[in-house]
């Protein structure tokens, strides 16, 4: 049974979330779920304080930093410039994540390609990802058809964070378990028996 104090904290959390939502800000974009209402309240209070400071200080990073707001309260807490980019996009009501398939459409059926056309399509996908800071780094000997099939199945459900200039995300297709991995026959790590 919950105590009155827990109900009060949960009500405060709802009020903070609603106040941010009234500004068009979805807390889930910058905050992971927390294990208890008290931790959530502290995090929501910090985020709300940052939003009010952003509004009060004219929406400028340099003004925020000068006023002591140096490390944006966003998750994942990844890199200072990325954290600022994420916070600024979020507080301005802009998306904080992007999806390849939503921007460029689904990858075409591989049956439409011969070997040269498949190589060209893979290069186009690589360039589009690289332009947004995402580097494909799968097993080097992975056959193009296998890579394309994986991309075609995976990209529709992947949501990438927008990245600050110069920041790179390495998409390696590795789930950490070599046994069921689609790359295993072409992976040097699996071949060496050094998988974790």
N, C-alpha and C. Protein backbone atom coordinates (compact mmCIF):
# COMPACT_ATOMS: atom_id res chain seq x y z
N UNK A 1 0.84 -1.19 0.00
CA UNK A 1 0.00 0.00 0.00
C UNK A 1 0.88 1.25 0.00
N UNK A 2 0.53 2.20 -0.84
CA UNK A 2 1.32 3.42 -0.94
C UNK A 2 0.98 4.38 0.19
N UNK A 3 2.01 5.06 0.66
CA UNK A 3 1.78 6.05 1.71
C UNK A 3 1.30 7.36 1.10
N UNK A 4 0.80 8.23 1.94
CA UNK A 4 0.34 9.55 1.47
C UNK A 4 1.49 10.33 0.85
N UNK A 5 2.69 10.15 1.40
CA UNK A 5 3.86 10.87 0.88
C UNK A 5 4.15 10.43 -0.55
N UNK A 6 4.03 9.14 -0.84
CA UNK A 6 4.28 8.64 -2.20
C UNK A 6 3.23 9.20 -3.15
N UNK A 7 1.95 9.19 -2.72
CA UNK A 7 0.90 9.76 -3.56
C UNK A 7 1.15 11.24 -3.84
N UNK A 8 1.64 11.96 -2.82
CA UNK A 8 1.94 13.38 -2.99
C UNK A 8 3.06 13.58 -4.01
N UNK A 9 4.13 12.80 -3.91
CA UNK A 9 5.25 12.91 -4.85
C UNK A 9 4.79 12.56 -6.26
N UNK A 10 4.00 11.51 -6.39
CA UNK A 10 3.49 11.12 -7.71
C UNK A 10 2.62 12.23 -8.30
N UNK A 11 1.82 12.89 -7.46
CA UNK A 11 0.99 14.00 -7.93
C UNK A 11 1.87 15.17 -8.37
N UNK A 12 2.93 15.43 -7.62
CA UNK A 12 3.87 16.50 -8.00
C UNK A 12 4.54 16.17 -9.34
N UNK A 13 4.92 14.90 -9.51
CA UNK A 13 5.54 14.48 -10.76
C UNK A 13 4.58 14.68 -11.94
N UNK A 14 3.33 14.30 -11.75
CA UNK A 14 2.33 14.51 -12.81
C UNK A 14 2.20 15.99 -13.14
N UNK A 15 2.19 16.83 -12.11
CA UNK A 15 2.05 18.27 -12.32
C UNK A 15 3.26 18.82 -13.10
N UNK A 16 4.46 18.36 -12.76
CA UNK A 16 5.66 18.81 -13.48
C UNK A 16 5.62 18.35 -14.93
N UNK A 17 5.24 17.10 -15.15
CA UNK A 17 5.14 16.58 -16.52
C UNK A 17 4.10 17.38 -17.32
N UNK A 18 2.97 17.67 -16.69
CA UNK A 18 1.91 18.42 -17.35
C UNK A 18 2.35 19.84 -17.68
N UNK A 19 3.11 20.45 -16.76
CA UNK A 19 3.60 21.81 -17.02
C UNK A 19 4.55 21.83 -18.22
N UNK A 20 5.38 20.81 -18.33
CA UNK A 20 6.28 20.72 -19.48
C UNK A 20 5.49 20.39 -20.75
N UNK A 21 4.53 19.48 -20.63
CA UNK A 21 3.70 19.11 -21.79
C UNK A 21 2.92 20.32 -22.30
N UNK A 22 2.51 21.21 -21.40
CA UNK A 22 1.79 22.42 -21.81
C UNK A 22 2.66 23.32 -22.68
N UNK A 23 3.98 23.17 -22.56
CA UNK A 23 4.93 23.91 -23.39
C UNK A 23 5.29 23.11 -24.66
N UNK A 24 4.66 21.94 -24.81
CA UNK A 24 4.93 21.10 -25.97
C UNK A 24 6.16 20.23 -25.81
N UNK A 25 6.58 20.00 -24.56
CA UNK A 25 7.81 19.27 -24.29
C UNK A 25 7.50 17.89 -23.71
N UNK A 26 7.88 16.86 -24.43
CA UNK A 26 7.70 15.48 -23.97
C UNK A 26 8.90 15.05 -23.15
N UNK A 27 8.71 14.84 -21.88
CA UNK A 27 9.79 14.50 -20.97
C UNK A 27 10.49 13.20 -21.40
N UNK A 28 9.75 12.28 -21.97
CA UNK A 28 10.34 10.99 -22.37
C UNK A 28 11.46 11.17 -23.39
N UNK A 29 11.50 12.30 -24.09
CA UNK A 29 12.55 12.56 -25.07
C UNK A 29 13.91 12.83 -24.43
N UNK A 30 13.92 13.23 -23.16
CA UNK A 30 15.19 13.59 -22.51
C UNK A 30 15.41 12.88 -21.18
N UNK A 31 14.47 12.03 -20.77
CA UNK A 31 14.58 11.40 -19.46
C UNK A 31 14.14 9.95 -19.54
N UNK A 32 15.00 9.06 -19.07
CA UNK A 32 14.68 7.64 -18.98
C UNK A 32 13.79 7.42 -17.75
N UNK A 33 12.98 6.37 -17.76
CA UNK A 33 12.18 6.06 -16.57
C UNK A 33 13.09 5.83 -15.36
N UNK A 34 12.63 6.27 -14.22
CA UNK A 34 13.42 6.13 -12.98
C UNK A 34 12.72 5.16 -12.03
N UNK A 35 13.49 4.53 -11.14
CA UNK A 35 12.94 3.45 -10.32
C UNK A 35 11.96 3.88 -9.23
N UNK A 36 12.00 5.14 -8.83
CA UNK A 36 11.10 5.56 -7.76
C UNK A 36 10.64 7.00 -7.98
N UNK A 37 9.53 7.33 -7.35
CA UNK A 37 8.91 8.64 -7.53
C UNK A 37 9.80 9.79 -7.03
N UNK A 38 10.56 9.54 -5.96
CA UNK A 38 11.44 10.60 -5.44
C UNK A 38 12.54 10.95 -6.42
N UNK A 39 13.18 9.94 -7.02
CA UNK A 39 14.22 10.19 -8.03
C UNK A 39 13.63 10.90 -9.24
N UNK A 40 12.44 10.46 -9.62
CA UNK A 40 11.78 11.09 -10.76
C UNK A 40 11.48 12.56 -10.47
N UNK A 41 11.02 12.85 -9.27
CA UNK A 41 10.71 14.25 -8.93
C UNK A 41 11.95 15.12 -9.01
N UNK A 42 13.07 14.64 -8.44
CA UNK A 42 14.30 15.43 -8.49
C UNK A 42 14.71 15.70 -9.94
N UNK A 43 14.60 14.68 -10.78
CA UNK A 43 14.98 14.83 -12.19
C UNK A 43 14.03 15.80 -12.90
N UNK A 44 12.73 15.65 -12.66
CA UNK A 44 11.75 16.55 -13.29
C UNK A 44 11.94 17.99 -12.83
N UNK A 45 12.27 18.17 -11.55
CA UNK A 45 12.52 19.52 -11.04
C UNK A 45 13.73 20.14 -11.73
N UNK A 46 14.77 19.33 -11.92
CA UNK A 46 15.98 19.84 -12.59
C UNK A 46 15.67 20.22 -14.04
N UNK A 47 14.96 19.37 -14.74
CA UNK A 47 14.61 19.67 -16.13
C UNK A 47 13.75 20.92 -16.21
N UNK A 48 12.77 21.02 -15.31
CA UNK A 48 11.88 22.19 -15.30
C UNK A 48 12.67 23.47 -15.00
N UNK A 49 13.59 23.39 -14.06
CA UNK A 49 14.44 24.55 -13.75
C UNK A 49 15.22 24.98 -14.99
N UNK A 50 15.76 24.02 -15.73
CA UNK A 50 16.50 24.34 -16.96
C UNK A 50 15.59 25.00 -18.00
N UNK A 51 14.39 24.51 -18.14
CA UNK A 51 13.45 25.10 -19.11
C UNK A 51 13.15 26.55 -18.73
N UNK A 52 12.87 26.79 -17.45
CA UNK A 52 12.59 28.16 -17.01
C UNK A 52 13.81 29.06 -17.20
N UNK A 53 14.99 28.55 -16.91
CA UNK A 53 16.22 29.33 -17.10
C UNK A 53 16.43 29.63 -18.58
N UNK A 54 16.17 28.66 -19.44
CA UNK A 54 16.29 28.84 -20.89
C UNK A 54 15.39 29.99 -21.35
N UNK A 55 14.17 30.00 -20.86
CA UNK A 55 13.22 31.05 -21.23
C UNK A 55 13.67 32.40 -20.67
N UNK A 56 14.08 32.40 -19.41
CA UNK A 56 14.49 33.63 -18.73
C UNK A 56 15.75 34.24 -19.35
N UNK A 57 16.68 33.37 -19.82
CA UNK A 57 17.97 33.84 -20.32
C UNK A 57 18.01 33.98 -21.85
N UNK A 58 16.86 33.96 -22.46
CA UNK A 58 16.79 34.24 -23.89
C UNK A 58 17.14 33.08 -24.81
N UNK A 59 17.15 31.89 -24.29
CA UNK A 59 17.38 30.72 -25.14
C UNK A 59 18.74 30.66 -25.78
N UNK A 60 19.78 30.96 -25.01
CA UNK A 60 21.14 30.95 -25.56
C UNK A 60 22.06 30.14 -24.66
N UNK A 61 22.82 29.24 -25.28
CA UNK A 61 23.73 28.39 -24.52
C UNK A 61 24.74 29.21 -23.74
N UNK A 62 25.33 30.22 -24.37
CA UNK A 62 26.36 31.00 -23.67
C UNK A 62 25.78 31.69 -22.43
N UNK A 63 24.54 32.18 -22.51
CA UNK A 63 23.92 32.82 -21.35
C UNK A 63 23.63 31.79 -20.27
N UNK A 64 23.18 30.61 -20.69
CA UNK A 64 22.91 29.55 -19.72
C UNK A 64 24.20 29.14 -19.01
N UNK A 65 25.25 28.93 -19.79
CA UNK A 65 26.53 28.52 -19.22
C UNK A 65 27.05 29.57 -18.25
N UNK A 66 26.95 30.83 -18.64
CA UNK A 66 27.41 31.92 -17.77
C UNK A 66 26.62 31.97 -16.46
N UNK A 67 25.37 31.54 -16.51
CA UNK A 67 24.53 31.55 -15.31
C UNK A 67 24.68 30.25 -14.49
N UNK A 68 25.61 29.38 -14.90
CA UNK A 68 25.88 28.17 -14.14
C UNK A 68 25.20 26.92 -14.66
N UNK A 69 24.47 27.04 -15.75
CA UNK A 69 23.79 25.89 -16.35
C UNK A 69 24.72 25.30 -17.42
N UNK A 70 25.61 24.42 -16.98
CA UNK A 70 26.66 23.94 -17.88
C UNK A 70 26.39 22.57 -18.48
N UNK A 71 25.72 21.70 -17.72
CA UNK A 71 25.54 20.31 -18.15
C UNK A 71 24.05 20.00 -18.25
N UNK A 72 23.53 20.02 -19.47
CA UNK A 72 22.08 19.82 -19.65
C UNK A 72 21.60 18.50 -19.05
N UNK A 73 20.44 18.52 -18.42
CA UNK A 73 19.90 17.31 -17.78
C UNK A 73 19.16 16.43 -18.78
N UNK A 74 19.90 15.87 -19.73
CA UNK A 74 19.30 15.02 -20.75
C UNK A 74 19.92 13.63 -20.69
N UNK A 75 19.18 12.68 -21.17
CA UNK A 75 19.67 11.31 -21.26
C UNK A 75 19.49 10.83 -22.68
N UNK A 76 20.44 10.10 -23.21
CA UNK A 76 21.65 9.70 -22.49
C UNK A 76 22.62 10.85 -22.35
N UNK A 77 23.27 10.91 -21.20
CA UNK A 77 24.31 11.91 -20.91
C UNK A 77 25.55 11.39 -21.63
N UNK A 78 25.83 11.97 -22.80
CA UNK A 78 26.72 11.33 -23.75
C UNK A 78 27.98 12.14 -24.02
N UNK A 79 27.80 13.39 -24.32
CA UNK A 79 28.90 14.27 -24.71
C UNK A 79 28.36 15.68 -24.54
N UNK A 80 29.14 16.58 -24.02
CA UNK A 80 28.63 17.91 -23.69
C UNK A 80 27.97 18.60 -24.88
N UNK A 81 28.64 18.61 -26.04
CA UNK A 81 28.03 19.27 -27.20
C UNK A 81 26.77 18.55 -27.66
N UNK A 82 26.78 17.23 -27.61
CA UNK A 82 25.58 16.48 -27.97
C UNK A 82 24.45 16.72 -26.99
N UNK A 83 24.80 16.79 -25.70
CA UNK A 83 23.78 17.05 -24.68
C UNK A 83 23.14 18.42 -24.91
N UNK A 84 23.96 19.40 -25.26
CA UNK A 84 23.41 20.72 -25.55
C UNK A 84 22.53 20.69 -26.80
N UNK A 85 22.99 20.00 -27.83
CA UNK A 85 22.19 19.90 -29.05
C UNK A 85 20.84 19.26 -28.74
N UNK A 86 20.85 18.16 -28.00
CA UNK A 86 19.63 17.48 -27.63
C UNK A 86 18.71 18.41 -26.82
N UNK A 87 19.27 19.07 -25.81
CA UNK A 87 18.46 19.96 -24.99
C UNK A 87 17.88 21.10 -25.82
N UNK A 88 18.70 21.73 -26.65
CA UNK A 88 18.23 22.87 -27.45
C UNK A 88 17.15 22.44 -28.43
N UNK A 89 17.32 21.29 -29.08
CA UNK A 89 16.29 20.81 -30.00
C UNK A 89 15.00 20.54 -29.22
N UNK A 90 15.14 19.88 -28.08
CA UNK A 90 13.97 19.52 -27.29
C UNK A 90 13.22 20.75 -26.79
N UNK A 91 13.94 21.70 -26.21
CA UNK A 91 13.28 22.86 -25.61
C UNK A 91 12.65 23.76 -26.69
N UNK A 92 13.14 23.64 -27.91
CA UNK A 92 12.54 24.39 -29.03
C UNK A 92 11.40 23.62 -29.70
N UNK A 93 11.11 22.44 -29.17
CA UNK A 93 10.01 21.64 -29.70
C UNK A 93 10.35 20.91 -30.99
N UNK A 94 11.64 20.75 -31.25
CA UNK A 94 12.08 20.04 -32.46
C UNK A 94 12.35 18.58 -32.12
N UNK A 95 12.29 17.70 -33.11
CA UNK A 95 12.57 16.29 -32.83
C UNK A 95 13.99 16.10 -32.32
N UNK A 96 14.18 15.14 -31.43
CA UNK A 96 15.51 14.85 -30.90
C UNK A 96 16.07 13.56 -31.51
N UNK A 97 15.24 12.84 -32.23
CA UNK A 97 15.67 11.60 -32.90
C UNK A 97 15.15 11.60 -34.33
N UNK A 98 15.83 10.84 -35.16
CA UNK A 98 15.40 10.72 -36.55
C UNK A 98 15.43 9.25 -36.95
N UNK A 99 14.67 8.96 -37.98
CA UNK A 99 14.56 7.59 -38.47
C UNK A 99 14.83 7.60 -39.97
N UNK A 100 15.74 6.75 -40.39
CA UNK A 100 16.14 6.68 -41.80
C UNK A 100 14.94 6.47 -42.71
N UNK A 101 14.11 5.50 -42.39
CA UNK A 101 12.99 5.15 -43.27
C UNK A 101 11.96 6.26 -43.36
N UNK A 102 11.76 7.00 -42.28
CA UNK A 102 10.81 8.12 -42.34
C UNK A 102 11.32 9.24 -43.22
N UNK A 103 12.63 9.45 -43.21
CA UNK A 103 13.21 10.53 -44.02
C UNK A 103 13.36 10.12 -45.48
N UNK A 104 13.91 8.94 -45.71
CA UNK A 104 14.26 8.53 -47.07
C UNK A 104 13.33 7.47 -47.66
N UNK A 105 12.43 6.97 -46.86
CA UNK A 105 11.55 5.90 -47.32
C UNK A 105 12.20 4.54 -47.09
N UNK A 106 11.41 3.48 -47.23
CA UNK A 106 11.96 2.15 -47.00
C UNK A 106 12.96 1.78 -48.09
N UNK A 107 13.87 0.90 -47.75
CA UNK A 107 14.83 0.42 -48.74
C UNK A 107 14.09 -0.47 -49.74
N UNK A 108 14.40 -0.32 -51.01
CA UNK A 108 13.72 -1.12 -52.04
C UNK A 108 13.99 -2.61 -51.88
N UNK A 109 13.12 -3.39 -52.48
CA UNK A 109 13.27 -4.85 -52.48
C UNK A 109 14.58 -5.20 -53.18
N UNK A 110 15.41 -6.04 -52.56
CA UNK A 110 16.70 -6.38 -53.17
C UNK A 110 16.56 -7.14 -54.48
N UNK A 111 15.41 -7.73 -54.73
CA UNK A 111 15.22 -8.45 -56.00
C UNK A 111 15.32 -7.51 -57.19
N UNK A 112 15.16 -6.22 -56.95
CA UNK A 112 15.22 -5.24 -58.04
C UNK A 112 16.65 -4.91 -58.44
N UNK A 113 17.65 -5.43 -57.72
CA UNK A 113 19.04 -5.05 -57.95
C UNK A 113 19.88 -6.20 -58.52
N UNK A 114 20.77 -5.84 -59.43
CA UNK A 114 21.86 -6.76 -59.76
C UNK A 114 23.01 -6.39 -58.83
N UNK A 115 24.16 -7.05 -58.96
CA UNK A 115 25.27 -6.81 -58.02
C UNK A 115 25.73 -5.36 -58.04
N UNK A 116 25.84 -4.75 -59.22
CA UNK A 116 26.31 -3.37 -59.32
C UNK A 116 25.29 -2.41 -58.71
N UNK A 117 24.01 -2.64 -58.97
CA UNK A 117 22.97 -1.76 -58.42
C UNK A 117 22.89 -1.89 -56.91
N UNK A 118 23.09 -3.11 -56.39
CA UNK A 118 23.08 -3.31 -54.94
C UNK A 118 24.24 -2.56 -54.29
N UNK A 119 25.42 -2.64 -54.90
CA UNK A 119 26.58 -1.91 -54.38
C UNK A 119 26.30 -0.41 -54.37
N UNK A 120 25.68 0.09 -55.43
CA UNK A 120 25.37 1.53 -55.52
C UNK A 120 24.34 1.92 -54.45
N UNK A 121 23.34 1.08 -54.23
CA UNK A 121 22.32 1.37 -53.21
C UNK A 121 22.94 1.36 -51.82
N UNK A 122 23.82 0.40 -51.54
CA UNK A 122 24.50 0.37 -50.24
C UNK A 122 25.35 1.61 -50.04
N UNK A 123 26.02 2.04 -51.08
CA UNK A 123 26.84 3.26 -50.97
C UNK A 123 25.96 4.48 -50.70
N UNK A 124 24.80 4.53 -51.33
CA UNK A 124 23.86 5.64 -51.10
C UNK A 124 23.40 5.64 -49.64
N UNK A 125 23.07 4.46 -49.11
CA UNK A 125 22.65 4.37 -47.71
C UNK A 125 23.80 4.79 -46.79
N UNK A 126 25.01 4.32 -47.07
CA UNK A 126 26.18 4.71 -46.25
C UNK A 126 26.37 6.22 -46.24
N UNK A 127 26.29 6.84 -47.42
CA UNK A 127 26.47 8.30 -47.51
C UNK A 127 25.40 9.05 -46.71
N UNK A 128 24.16 8.60 -46.83
CA UNK A 128 23.07 9.26 -46.10
C UNK A 128 23.28 9.14 -44.60
N UNK A 129 23.66 7.97 -44.14
CA UNK A 129 23.91 7.78 -42.71
C UNK A 129 25.12 8.60 -42.26
N UNK A 130 26.20 8.55 -43.05
CA UNK A 130 27.42 9.27 -42.69
C UNK A 130 27.18 10.77 -42.61
N UNK A 131 26.32 11.29 -43.48
CA UNK A 131 26.02 12.73 -43.46
C UNK A 131 25.35 13.14 -42.15
N UNK A 132 24.79 12.17 -41.45
CA UNK A 132 24.14 12.44 -40.16
C UNK A 132 24.94 11.88 -38.99
N UNK A 133 26.20 11.52 -39.26
CA UNK A 133 27.11 11.09 -38.20
C UNK A 133 27.06 9.62 -37.86
N UNK A 134 26.37 8.80 -38.66
CA UNK A 134 26.27 7.37 -38.38
C UNK A 134 27.19 6.62 -39.33
N UNK A 135 28.14 5.89 -38.77
CA UNK A 135 29.09 5.11 -39.57
C UNK A 135 28.73 3.63 -39.50
N UNK A 136 28.63 3.00 -40.66
CA UNK A 136 28.40 1.56 -40.70
C UNK A 136 29.74 0.86 -40.52
N UNK A 137 29.83 0.01 -39.52
CA UNK A 137 31.08 -0.69 -39.24
C UNK A 137 30.79 -2.15 -38.92
N UNK A 138 30.19 -2.83 -39.88
CA UNK A 138 29.89 -4.24 -39.71
C UNK A 138 31.09 -5.05 -40.16
N UNK A 139 31.00 -6.37 -40.03
CA UNK A 139 32.11 -7.25 -40.41
C UNK A 139 32.54 -6.92 -41.84
N UNK A 140 33.83 -6.65 -42.06
CA UNK A 140 34.30 -6.21 -43.39
C UNK A 140 34.02 -7.21 -44.51
N UNK A 141 33.99 -8.49 -44.18
CA UNK A 141 33.75 -9.50 -45.22
C UNK A 141 32.28 -9.85 -45.39
N UNK A 142 31.41 -9.14 -44.71
CA UNK A 142 29.98 -9.39 -44.80
C UNK A 142 29.51 -9.21 -46.25
N UNK A 143 28.85 -10.20 -46.83
CA UNK A 143 28.39 -10.06 -48.21
C UNK A 143 27.41 -8.90 -48.35
N UNK A 144 27.49 -8.16 -49.45
CA UNK A 144 26.59 -7.03 -49.65
C UNK A 144 25.11 -7.38 -49.49
N UNK A 145 24.70 -8.53 -49.99
CA UNK A 145 23.29 -8.92 -49.88
C UNK A 145 22.88 -9.12 -48.42
N UNK A 146 23.78 -9.66 -47.60
CA UNK A 146 23.50 -9.88 -46.18
C UNK A 146 23.42 -8.54 -45.45
N UNK A 147 24.35 -7.64 -45.75
CA UNK A 147 24.33 -6.30 -45.16
C UNK A 147 23.04 -5.58 -45.54
N UNK A 148 22.68 -5.64 -46.81
CA UNK A 148 21.47 -4.95 -47.27
C UNK A 148 20.23 -5.52 -46.59
N UNK A 149 20.15 -6.84 -46.47
CA UNK A 149 19.00 -7.46 -45.82
C UNK A 149 18.91 -7.00 -44.36
N UNK A 150 20.05 -6.93 -43.69
CA UNK A 150 20.05 -6.47 -42.29
C UNK A 150 19.60 -5.01 -42.21
N UNK A 151 20.13 -4.16 -43.07
CA UNK A 151 19.74 -2.75 -43.07
C UNK A 151 18.25 -2.61 -43.36
N UNK A 152 17.77 -3.35 -44.32
CA UNK A 152 16.36 -3.28 -44.72
C UNK A 152 15.45 -3.68 -43.56
N UNK A 153 15.87 -4.67 -42.78
CA UNK A 153 15.08 -5.13 -41.64
C UNK A 153 15.24 -4.22 -40.42
N UNK A 154 16.40 -3.59 -40.28
CA UNK A 154 16.74 -2.86 -39.06
C UNK A 154 16.41 -1.37 -39.10
N UNK A 155 16.69 -0.71 -40.21
CA UNK A 155 16.54 0.75 -40.27
C UNK A 155 15.13 1.25 -39.96
N UNK A 156 14.07 0.56 -40.35
CA UNK A 156 12.74 1.10 -40.02
C UNK A 156 12.49 1.26 -38.53
N UNK A 157 13.14 0.46 -37.69
CA UNK A 157 12.87 0.54 -36.25
C UNK A 157 13.96 1.27 -35.46
N UNK A 158 15.03 1.72 -36.12
CA UNK A 158 16.10 2.44 -35.42
C UNK A 158 15.81 3.94 -35.40
N UNK A 159 15.94 4.51 -34.23
CA UNK A 159 15.77 5.96 -34.07
C UNK A 159 17.08 6.51 -33.54
N UNK A 160 17.74 7.30 -34.37
CA UNK A 160 19.04 7.86 -34.04
C UNK A 160 18.85 9.24 -33.42
N UNK A 161 19.69 9.56 -32.45
CA UNK A 161 19.70 10.93 -31.93
C UNK A 161 20.40 11.83 -32.94
N UNK A 162 19.96 13.07 -33.00
CA UNK A 162 20.72 14.05 -33.78
C UNK A 162 22.06 14.21 -33.08
N UNK A 163 23.12 14.31 -33.87
CA UNK A 163 24.47 14.38 -33.32
C UNK A 163 25.10 15.72 -33.58
N UNK A 164 25.88 16.20 -32.63
CA UNK A 164 26.63 17.44 -32.81
C UNK A 164 27.68 17.23 -33.89
N UNK A 165 28.05 18.30 -34.54
CA UNK A 165 29.05 18.24 -35.60
C UNK A 165 30.33 17.58 -35.09
N UNK A 166 30.85 16.65 -35.86
CA UNK A 166 32.08 15.96 -35.48
C UNK A 166 31.87 14.73 -34.63
N UNK A 167 30.65 14.51 -34.15
CA UNK A 167 30.35 13.34 -33.34
C UNK A 167 29.93 12.20 -34.26
N UNK A 168 30.35 11.00 -33.94
CA UNK A 168 30.03 9.84 -34.76
C UNK A 168 29.40 8.74 -33.91
N UNK A 169 28.43 8.09 -34.49
CA UNK A 169 27.82 6.90 -33.92
C UNK A 169 28.23 5.73 -34.80
N UNK A 170 28.71 4.67 -34.19
CA UNK A 170 29.19 3.51 -34.95
C UNK A 170 28.14 2.41 -34.88
N UNK A 171 27.55 2.12 -36.00
CA UNK A 171 26.53 1.08 -36.10
C UNK A 171 27.21 -0.19 -36.57
N UNK A 172 27.37 -1.15 -35.62
CA UNK A 172 28.14 -2.34 -35.96
C UNK A 172 27.32 -3.62 -36.04
N UNK A 173 26.03 -3.53 -35.75
CA UNK A 173 25.17 -4.70 -35.86
C UNK A 173 25.43 -5.77 -34.82
N UNK A 174 26.31 -5.49 -33.88
CA UNK A 174 26.69 -6.49 -32.88
C UNK A 174 25.77 -6.39 -31.67
N UNK A 175 25.15 -7.51 -31.33
CA UNK A 175 24.30 -7.55 -30.15
C UNK A 175 25.01 -8.10 -28.93
N UNK A 176 26.28 -8.48 -29.08
CA UNK A 176 27.07 -8.97 -27.96
C UNK A 176 27.09 -10.48 -27.82
N UNK A 177 26.18 -11.17 -28.48
CA UNK A 177 26.15 -12.64 -28.43
C UNK A 177 26.48 -13.17 -29.82
N UNK A 178 27.63 -13.78 -29.95
CA UNK A 178 28.09 -14.24 -31.27
C UNK A 178 27.28 -15.40 -31.83
N UNK A 179 26.81 -16.27 -30.96
CA UNK A 179 26.11 -17.47 -31.43
C UNK A 179 25.01 -17.19 -32.44
N UNK A 180 24.04 -16.36 -32.09
CA UNK A 180 22.94 -16.12 -33.02
C UNK A 180 23.18 -14.97 -34.01
N UNK A 181 24.33 -14.35 -33.99
CA UNK A 181 24.58 -13.15 -34.80
C UNK A 181 24.64 -13.47 -36.29
N UNK A 182 23.97 -12.66 -37.07
CA UNK A 182 23.95 -12.84 -38.53
C UNK A 182 25.34 -12.62 -39.15
N UNK A 183 26.24 -11.94 -38.45
CA UNK A 183 27.58 -11.67 -38.97
C UNK A 183 28.60 -12.77 -38.65
N UNK A 184 28.22 -13.71 -37.81
CA UNK A 184 29.18 -14.69 -37.29
C UNK A 184 30.08 -15.32 -38.35
N UNK A 185 29.55 -15.79 -39.49
CA UNK A 185 30.44 -16.45 -40.46
C UNK A 185 31.53 -15.53 -41.04
N UNK A 186 31.34 -14.22 -40.93
CA UNK A 186 32.28 -13.27 -41.53
C UNK A 186 33.00 -12.41 -40.48
N UNK A 187 32.78 -12.70 -39.21
CA UNK A 187 33.29 -11.86 -38.12
C UNK A 187 34.61 -12.40 -37.59
N UNK A 188 35.64 -11.56 -37.59
CA UNK A 188 36.95 -11.97 -37.07
C UNK A 188 36.91 -12.27 -35.58
N UNK A 189 36.13 -11.48 -34.83
CA UNK A 189 36.04 -11.70 -33.38
C UNK A 189 35.46 -13.07 -33.09
N UNK A 190 34.38 -13.44 -33.79
CA UNK A 190 33.77 -14.76 -33.59
C UNK A 190 34.73 -15.86 -34.04
N UNK A 191 35.43 -15.65 -35.15
CA UNK A 191 36.36 -16.65 -35.66
C UNK A 191 37.52 -16.91 -34.70
N UNK A 192 37.94 -15.87 -34.00
CA UNK A 192 39.04 -16.00 -33.04
C UNK A 192 38.60 -16.61 -31.73
N UNK A 193 37.28 -16.76 -31.58
CA UNK A 193 36.77 -17.33 -30.34
C UNK A 193 36.90 -16.38 -29.16
N UNK A 194 36.95 -15.08 -29.44
CA UNK A 194 37.12 -14.08 -28.36
C UNK A 194 35.81 -13.43 -27.99
N UNK A 195 34.69 -13.97 -28.49
CA UNK A 195 33.41 -13.35 -28.15
C UNK A 195 33.16 -13.46 -26.66
N UNK A 196 32.38 -12.49 -26.17
CA UNK A 196 32.10 -12.43 -24.73
C UNK A 196 30.99 -13.31 -24.30
